[in-house]
Amino acid sequence: GCNSRHSDYVFFLQLKKVIEEEEKELLEREKIWETPAIFRRKNT
């Protein structure tokens, strides 16, 4: 009953944390890929 519902909630929070961390990594990678493009624009 209540206990399984609580564990589902905890699992959801953990999943949310993992997703947020993955999103941060993706954003960091996008920043890394964007910077050379900016440099290219300045050079040309």
PDB file of N, CA and C in Angstrom:
ATOM      1  N   GLY A   1       0.820  -1.222   0.000  1.00  0.00           N
ATOM      2  CA  GLY A   1       0.000   0.000   0.000  1.00  0.00           C
ATOM      3  C   GLY A   1       0.842   1.254   0.000  1.00  0.00           C
ATOM      4  N   CYS A   2       0.902   1.892   1.170  1.00  0.00           N
ATOM      5  CA  CYS A   2       1.585   3.186   1.263  1.00  0.00           C
ATOM      6  C   CYS A   2       3.078   3.044   0.958  1.00  0.00           C
ATOM      7  N   ASN A   3       3.693   1.951   1.438  1.00  0.00           N
ATOM      8  CA  ASN A   3       5.137   1.796   1.295  1.00  0.00           C
ATOM      9  C   ASN A   3       5.547   1.734  -0.167  1.00  0.00           C
ATOM     10  N   SER A   4       4.820   0.978  -0.989  1.00  0.00           N
ATOM     11  CA  SER A   4       5.166   0.861  -2.407  1.00  0.00           C
ATOM     12  C   SER A   4       4.998   2.213  -3.100  1.00  0.00           C
ATOM     13  N   ARG A   5       3.995   2.978  -2.702  1.00  0.00           N
ATOM     14  CA  ARG A   5       3.780   4.297  -3.292  1.00  0.00           C
ATOM     15  C   ARG A   5       4.974   5.201  -2.972  1.00  0.00           C
ATOM     16  N   HIS A   6       5.470   5.098  -1.725  1.00  0.00           N
ATOM     17  CA  HIS A   6       6.625   5.906  -1.323  1.00  0.00           C
ATOM     18  C   HIS A   6       7.852   5.534  -2.155  1.00  0.00           C
ATOM     19  N   SER A   7       8.085   4.230  -2.357  1.00  0.00           N
ATOM     20  CA  SER A   7       9.252   3.798  -3.129  1.00  0.00           C
ATOM     21  C   SER A   7       9.140   4.252  -4.583  1.00  0.00           C
ATOM     22  N   ASP A   8       7.917   4.269  -5.118  1.00  0.00           N
ATOM     23  CA  ASP A   8       7.722   4.778  -6.481  1.00  0.00           C
ATOM     24  C   ASP A   8       8.108   6.249  -6.550  1.00  0.00           C
ATOM     25  N   TYR A   9       7.747   7.007  -5.512  1.00  0.00           N
ATOM     26  CA  TYR A   9       8.057   8.439  -5.473  1.00  0.00           C
ATOM     27  C   TYR A   9       9.562   8.661  -5.406  1.00  0.00           C
ATOM     28  N   VAL A  10      10.231   7.863  -4.549  1.00  0.00           N
ATOM     29  CA  VAL A  10      11.689   7.962  -4.430  1.00  0.00           C
ATOM     30  C   VAL A  10      12.342   7.637  -5.768  1.00  0.00           C
ATOM     31  N   PHE A  11      11.840   6.590  -6.429  1.00  0.00           N
ATOM     32  CA  PHE A  11      12.382   6.202  -7.734  1.00  0.00           C
ATOM     33  C   PHE A  11      12.217   7.336  -8.737  1.00  0.00           C
ATOM     34  N   PHE A  12      11.046   7.981  -8.698  1.00  0.00           N
ATOM     35  CA  PHE A  12      10.776   9.098  -9.608  1.00  0.00           C
ATOM     36  C   PHE A  12      11.764  10.231  -9.373  1.00  0.00           C
ATOM     37  N   LEU A  13      12.036  10.540  -8.100  1.00  0.00           N
ATOM     38  CA  LEU A  13      12.978  11.617  -7.788  1.00  0.00           C
ATOM     39  C   LEU A  13      14.374  11.275  -8.307  1.00  0.00           C
ATOM     40  N   GLN A  14      14.791  10.009  -8.117  1.00  0.00           N
ATOM     41  CA  GLN A  14      16.110   9.585  -8.596  1.00  0.00           C
ATOM     42  C   GLN A  14      16.185   9.683 -10.111  1.00  0.00           C
ATOM     43  N   LEU A  15      15.111   9.262 -10.782  1.00  0.00           N
ATOM     44  CA  LEU A  15      15.062   9.310 -12.238  1.00  0.00           C
ATOM     45  C   LEU A  15      15.164  10.756 -12.720  1.00  0.00           C
ATOM     46  N   LYS A  16      14.430  11.647 -12.049  1.00  0.00           N
ATOM     47  CA  LYS A  16      14.448  13.066 -12.397  1.00  0.00           C
ATOM     48  C   LYS A  16      15.866  13.620 -12.268  1.00  0.00           C
ATOM     49  N   LYS A  17      16.563  13.229 -11.191  1.00  0.00           N
ATOM     50  CA  LYS A  17      17.925  13.699 -10.954  1.00  0.00           C
ATOM     51  C   LYS A  17      18.847  13.246 -12.082  1.00  0.00           C
ATOM     52  N   VAL A  18      18.708  11.982 -12.473  1.00  0.00           N
ATOM     53  CA  VAL A  18      19.539  11.429 -13.549  1.00  0.00           C
ATOM     54  C   VAL A  18      19.280  12.174 -14.857  1.00  0.00           C
ATOM     55  N   ILE A  19      18.005  12.412 -15.160  1.00  0.00           N
ATOM     56  CA  ILE A  19      17.649  13.111 -16.398  1.00  0.00           C
ATOM     57  C   ILE A  19      18.233  14.519 -16.397  1.00  0.00           C
ATOM     58  N   GLU A  20      18.134  15.212 -15.260  1.00  0.00           N
ATOM     59  CA  GLU A  20      18.666  16.572 -15.180  1.00  0.00           C
ATOM     60  C   GLU A  20      20.174  16.576 -15.398  1.00  0.00           C
ATOM     61  N   GLU A  21      20.873  15.576 -14.817  1.00  0.00           N
ATOM     62  CA  GLU A  21      22.325  15.500 -14.991  1.00  0.00           C
ATOM     63  C   GLU A  21      22.681  15.238 -16.446  1.00  0.00           C
ATOM     64  N   GLU A  22      21.903  14.361 -17.110  1.00  0.00           N
ATOM     65  CA  GLU A  22      22.163  14.075 -18.527  1.00  0.00           C
ATOM     66  C   GLU A  22      21.922  15.320 -19.372  1.00  0.00           C
ATOM     67  N   GLU A  23      20.875  16.092 -19.027  1.00  0.00           N
ATOM     68  CA  GLU A  23      20.595  17.323 -19.763  1.00  0.00           C
ATOM     69  C   GLU A  23      21.743  18.313 -19.602  1.00  0.00           C
ATOM     70  N   LYS A  24      22.304  18.389 -18.383  1.00  0.00           N
ATOM     71  CA  LYS A  24      23.444  19.283 -18.153  1.00  0.00           C
ATOM     72  C   LYS A  24      24.616  18.871 -19.035  1.00  0.00           C
ATOM     73  N   GLU A  25      24.885  17.557 -19.097  1.00  0.00           N
ATOM     74  CA  GLU A  25      25.988  17.068 -19.929  1.00  0.00           C
ATOM     75  C   GLU A  25      25.762  17.424 -21.389  1.00  0.00           C
ATOM     76  N   LEU A  26      24.532  17.253 -21.863  1.00  0.00           N
ATOM     77  CA  LEU A  26      24.220  17.585 -23.256  1.00  0.00           C
ATOM     78  C   LEU A  26      24.433  19.073 -23.510  1.00  0.00           C
ATOM     79  N   LEU A  27      24.008  19.913 -22.566  1.00  0.00           N
ATOM     80  CA  LEU A  27      24.188  21.357 -22.723  1.00  0.00           C
ATOM     81  C   LEU A  27      25.673  21.705 -22.759  1.00  0.00           C
ATOM     82  N   GLU A  28      26.465  21.061 -21.884  1.00  0.00           N
ATOM     83  CA  GLU A  28      27.908  21.309 -21.875  1.00  0.00           C
ATOM     84  C   GLU A  28      28.520  20.929 -23.219  1.00  0.00           C
ATOM     85  N   ARG A  29      28.115  19.777 -23.764  1.00  0.00           N
ATOM     86  CA  ARG A  29      28.640  19.341 -25.065  1.00  0.00           C
ATOM     87  C   ARG A  29      28.247  20.329 -26.153  1.00  0.00           C
ATOM     88  N   GLU A  30      27.001  20.814 -26.100  1.00  0.00           N
ATOM     89  CA  GLU A  30      26.547  21.773 -27.106  1.00  0.00           C
ATOM     90  C   GLU A  30      27.376  23.045 -27.037  1.00  0.00           C
ATOM     91  N   LYS A  31      27.695  23.497 -25.822  1.00  0.00           N
ATOM     92  CA  LYS A  31      28.529  24.691 -25.662  1.00  0.00           C
ATOM     93  C   LYS A  31      29.894  24.457 -26.304  1.00  0.00           C
ATOM     94  N   ILE A  32      30.459  23.274 -26.053  1.00  0.00           N
ATOM     95  CA  ILE A  32      31.778  22.942 -26.603  1.00  0.00           C
ATOM     96  C   ILE A  32      31.732  22.957 -28.129  1.00  0.00           C
ATOM     97  N   TRP A  33      30.635  22.423 -28.693  1.00  0.00           N
ATOM     98  CA  TRP A  33      30.525  22.385 -30.152  1.00  0.00           C
ATOM     99  C   TRP A  33      30.207  23.761 -30.724  1.00  0.00           C
ATOM    100  N   GLU A  34      29.526  24.610 -29.963  1.00  0.00           N
ATOM    101  CA  GLU A  34      29.155  25.930 -30.466  1.00  0.00           C
ATOM    102  C   GLU A  34      30.366  26.853 -30.557  1.00  0.00           C
ATOM    103  N   THR A  35      31.283  26.773 -29.616  1.00  0.00           N
ATOM    104  CA  THR A  35      32.380  27.739 -29.569  1.00  0.00           C
ATOM    105  C   THR A  35      33.225  27.762 -30.842  1.00  0.00           C
ATOM    106  N   PRO A  36      33.599  26.613 -31.427  1.00  0.00           N
ATOM    107  CA  PRO A  36      34.372  26.682 -32.674  1.00  0.00           C
ATOM    108  C   PRO A  36      33.616  27.400 -33.787  1.00  0.00           C
ATOM    109  N   ALA A  37      32.305  27.211 -33.843  1.00  0.00           N
ATOM    110  CA  ALA A  37      31.494  27.871 -34.863  1.00  0.00           C
ATOM    111  C   ALA A  37      31.579  29.387 -34.700  1.00  0.00           C
ATOM    112  N   ILE A  38      31.562  29.851 -33.463  1.00  0.00           N
ATOM    113  CA  ILE A  38      31.670  31.299 -33.211  1.00  0.00           C
ATOM    114  C   ILE A  38      33.037  31.790 -33.682  1.00  0.00           C
ATOM    115  N   PHE A  39      34.080  31.028 -33.392  1.00  0.00           N
ATOM    116  CA  PHE A  39      35.425  31.427 -33.813  1.00  0.00           C
ATOM    117  C   PHE A  39      35.520  31.474 -35.337  1.00  0.00           C
ATOM    118  N   ARG A  40      34.875  30.496 -35.984  1.00  0.00           N
ATOM    119  CA  ARG A  40      34.896  30.469 -37.451  1.00  0.00           C
ATOM    120  C   ARG A  40      34.250  31.729 -38.013  1.00  0.00           C
ATOM    121  N   ARG A  41      33.124  32.133 -37.425  1.00  0.00           N
ATOM    122  CA  ARG A  41      32.433  33.335 -37.902  1.00  0.00           C
ATOM    123  C   ARG A  41      33.335  34.556 -37.769  1.00  0.00           C
ATOM    124  N   LYS A  42      34.064  34.639 -36.658  1.00  0.00           N
ATOM    125  CA  LYS A  42      34.951  35.781 -36.444  1.00  0.00           C
ATOM    126  C   LYS A  42      36.099  35.772 -37.456  1.00  0.00           C
ATOM    127  N   ASN A  43      36.617  34.591 -37.739  1.00  0.00           N
ATOM    128  CA  ASN A  43      37.766  34.489 -38.642  1.00  0.00           C
ATOM    129  C   ASN A  43      37.403  34.871 -40.067  1.00  0.00           C
ATOM    130  N   THR A  44      36.247  34.429 -40.542  1.00  0.00           N
ATOM    131  CA  THR A  44      35.898  34.679 -41.944  1.00  0.00           C
ATOM    132  C   THR A  44      35.358  36.084 -42.124  1.00  0.00           C
TER     133      THR A  44
END
